[in-house]
Amino acid sequence: MREEKITLTLPAELLEAVEKKAKRKRKKRDEFLKEVITFYIAMEDRKTRIKKELIKGYKESSEASMLLSREFFEVEQEIFRDIFKYFK
């Protein structure tokens, strides 16, 4: 993979936290930041994929619920017709 150099400005506290974490993992700061950014992008992609799957699932579920309620309504109507016939 081709690499390009960038300049990044961070608040002092954030830079300090990055340096501590990188040191604890025995990584260079740029290696650590590459890992963090790669992880973040993967999580965002995963979150997007999961949202799409949830939307699809909810849509399919609502369609199934609609079919069931229509079927139930028809059965319910038949039952009420039979009950009303009984009481006539």
C-alpha atoms as a PDB file:
ATOM      1  CA  MET A   1       0.000   0.000   0.000  1.00  0.00           C
ATOM      2  CA  ARG A   2       1.305   3.410  -0.923  1.00  0.00           C
ATOM      3  CA  GLU A   3       1.803   5.746   2.004  1.00  0.00           C
ATOM      4  CA  GLU A   4       1.559   9.514   2.129  1.00  0.00           C
ATOM      5  CA  LYS A   5       2.714  11.846   4.820  1.00  0.00           C
ATOM      6  CA  ILE A   6       0.196  14.121   6.556  1.00  0.00           C
ATOM      7  CA  THR A   7       0.363  16.778   9.230  1.00  0.00           C
ATOM      8  CA  LEU A   8      -2.010  16.330  12.130  1.00  0.00           C
ATOM      9  CA  THR A   9      -2.741  18.878  14.837  1.00  0.00           C
ATOM     10  CA  LEU A  10      -4.075  17.468  18.112  1.00  0.00           C
ATOM     11  CA  PRO A  11      -4.907  18.979  21.482  1.00  0.00           C
ATOM     12  CA  ALA A  12      -2.036  18.460  23.940  1.00  0.00           C
ATOM     13  CA  GLU A  13      -4.083  16.098  26.142  1.00  0.00           C
ATOM     14  CA  LEU A  14      -5.016  13.900  23.200  1.00  0.00           C
ATOM     15  CA  LEU A  15      -1.446  13.768  21.944  1.00  0.00           C
ATOM     16  CA  GLU A  16      -0.281  12.808  25.431  1.00  0.00           C
ATOM     17  CA  ALA A  17      -2.868  10.013  25.584  1.00  0.00           C
ATOM     18  CA  VAL A  18      -1.794   8.770  22.132  1.00  0.00           C
ATOM     19  CA  GLU A  19       1.847   8.745  23.174  1.00  0.00           C
ATOM     20  CA  LYS A  20       1.069   6.846  26.394  1.00  0.00           C
ATOM     21  CA  LYS A  21      -0.996   4.230  24.582  1.00  0.00           C
ATOM     22  CA  ALA A  22       1.601   3.842  21.829  1.00  0.00           C
ATOM     23  CA  LYS A  23       4.357   3.428  24.406  1.00  0.00           C
ATOM     24  CA  ARG A  24       2.328   0.874  26.351  1.00  0.00           C
ATOM     25  CA  LYS A  25       1.811  -1.124  23.136  1.00  0.00           C
ATOM     26  CA  ARG A  26       5.485  -0.665  22.223  1.00  0.00           C
ATOM     27  CA  LYS A  27       4.594   0.974  18.938  1.00  0.00           C
ATOM     28  CA  LYS A  28       5.766   4.096  17.220  1.00  0.00           C
ATOM     29  CA  ARG A  29       3.232   6.877  17.385  1.00  0.00           C
ATOM     30  CA  ASP A  30       2.526   6.749  13.636  1.00  0.00           C
ATOM     31  CA  GLU A  31       2.069   2.950  13.741  1.00  0.00           C
ATOM     32  CA  PHE A  32      -0.306   3.285  16.659  1.00  0.00           C
ATOM     33  CA  LEU A  33      -2.324   5.994  14.903  1.00  0.00           C
ATOM     34  CA  LYS A  34      -2.524   3.866  11.736  1.00  0.00           C
ATOM     35  CA  GLU A  35      -3.959   1.018  13.820  1.00  0.00           C
ATOM     36  CA  VAL A  36      -6.426   3.297  15.584  1.00  0.00           C
ATOM     37  CA  ILE A  37      -7.639   4.896  12.350  1.00  0.00           C
ATOM     38  CA  THR A  38      -7.891   1.524  10.591  1.00  0.00           C
ATOM     39  CA  PHE A  39      -9.870   0.132  13.535  1.00  0.00           C
ATOM     40  CA  TYR A  40     -12.176   3.164  13.596  1.00  0.00           C
ATOM     41  CA  ILE A  41     -12.904   2.909   9.867  1.00  0.00           C
ATOM     42  CA  ALA A  42     -13.605  -0.834  10.180  1.00  0.00           C
ATOM     43  CA  MET A  43     -16.015  -0.188  13.077  1.00  0.00           C
ATOM     44  CA  GLU A  44     -17.817   2.562  11.152  1.00  0.00           C
ATOM     45  CA  ASP A  45     -18.162   0.249   8.137  1.00  0.00           C
ATOM     46  CA  ARG A  46     -19.457  -2.515  10.407  1.00  0.00           C
ATOM     47  CA  LYS A  47     -21.918  -0.136  12.062  1.00  0.00           C
ATOM     48  CA  THR A  48     -23.221   0.949   8.643  1.00  0.00           C
ATOM     49  CA  ARG A  49     -23.568  -2.670   7.514  1.00  0.00           C
ATOM     50  CA  ILE A  50     -25.423  -3.628  10.712  1.00  0.00           C
ATOM     51  CA  LYS A  51     -27.794  -0.654  10.361  1.00  0.00           C
ATOM     52  CA  LYS A  52     -28.609  -1.716   6.799  1.00  0.00           C
ATOM     53  CA  GLU A  53     -29.223  -5.293   7.961  1.00  0.00           C
ATOM     54  CA  LEU A  54     -31.453  -4.086  10.811  1.00  0.00           C
ATOM     55  CA  ILE A  55     -33.477  -1.879   8.474  1.00  0.00           C
ATOM     56  CA  LYS A  56     -33.889  -4.790   6.064  1.00  0.00           C
ATOM     57  CA  GLY A  57     -34.902  -7.098   8.934  1.00  0.00           C
ATOM     58  CA  TYR A  58     -37.397  -4.599  10.352  1.00  0.00           C
ATOM     59  CA  LYS A  59     -38.898  -4.107   6.902  1.00  0.00           C
ATOM     60  CA  GLU A  60     -39.234  -7.853   6.328  1.00  0.00           C
ATOM     61  CA  SER A  61     -40.636  -8.284   9.829  1.00  0.00           C
ATOM     62  CA  SER A  62     -43.220  -5.547   9.319  1.00  0.00           C
ATOM     63  CA  GLU A  63     -44.287  -7.095   6.008  1.00  0.00           C
ATOM     64  CA  ALA A  64     -44.697 -10.478   7.718  1.00  0.00           C
ATOM     65  CA  SER A  65     -46.649  -8.842  10.553  1.00  0.00           C
ATOM     66  CA  MET A  66     -48.925  -7.147   8.042  1.00  0.00           C
ATOM     67  CA  LEU A  67     -49.642 -10.473   6.319  1.00  0.00           C
ATOM     68  CA  LEU A  68     -50.389 -12.144   9.655  1.00  0.00           C
ATOM     69  CA  SER A  69     -52.700  -9.357  10.752  1.00  0.00           C
ATOM     70  CA  ARG A  70     -54.591  -9.524   7.433  1.00  0.00           C
ATOM     71  CA  GLU A  71     -54.989 -13.294   7.793  1.00  0.00           C
ATOM     72  CA  PHE A  72     -56.082 -12.895  11.412  1.00  0.00           C
ATOM     73  CA  PHE A  73     -58.559 -10.189  10.412  1.00  0.00           C
ATOM     74  CA  GLU A  74     -60.129 -12.492   7.809  1.00  0.00           C
ATOM     75  CA  VAL A  75     -60.390 -15.348  10.317  1.00  0.00           C
ATOM     76  CA  GLU A  76     -61.793 -12.982  12.917  1.00  0.00           C
ATOM     77  CA  GLN A  77     -64.448 -11.781  10.453  1.00  0.00           C
ATOM     78  CA  GLU A  78     -65.481 -15.376   9.737  1.00  0.00           C
ATOM     79  CA  ILE A  79     -65.781 -16.089  13.459  1.00  0.00           C
ATOM     80  CA  PHE A  80     -67.913 -12.987  14.035  1.00  0.00           C
ATOM     81  CA  ARG A  81     -70.168 -13.910  11.086  1.00  0.00           C
ATOM     82  CA  ASP A  82     -70.651 -17.368  12.589  1.00  0.00           C
ATOM     83  CA  ILE A  83     -71.369 -15.899  16.025  1.00  0.00           C
ATOM     84  CA  PHE A  84     -73.911 -13.432  14.628  1.00  0.00           C
ATOM     85  CA  LYS A  85     -75.598 -16.245  12.669  1.00  0.00           C
ATOM     86  CA  TYR A  86     -75.883 -18.203  15.909  1.00  0.00           C
ATOM     87  CA  PHE A  87     -77.622 -15.341  17.726  1.00  0.00           C
ATOM     88  CA  LYS A  88     -80.078 -14.540  14.909  1.00  0.00           C
END
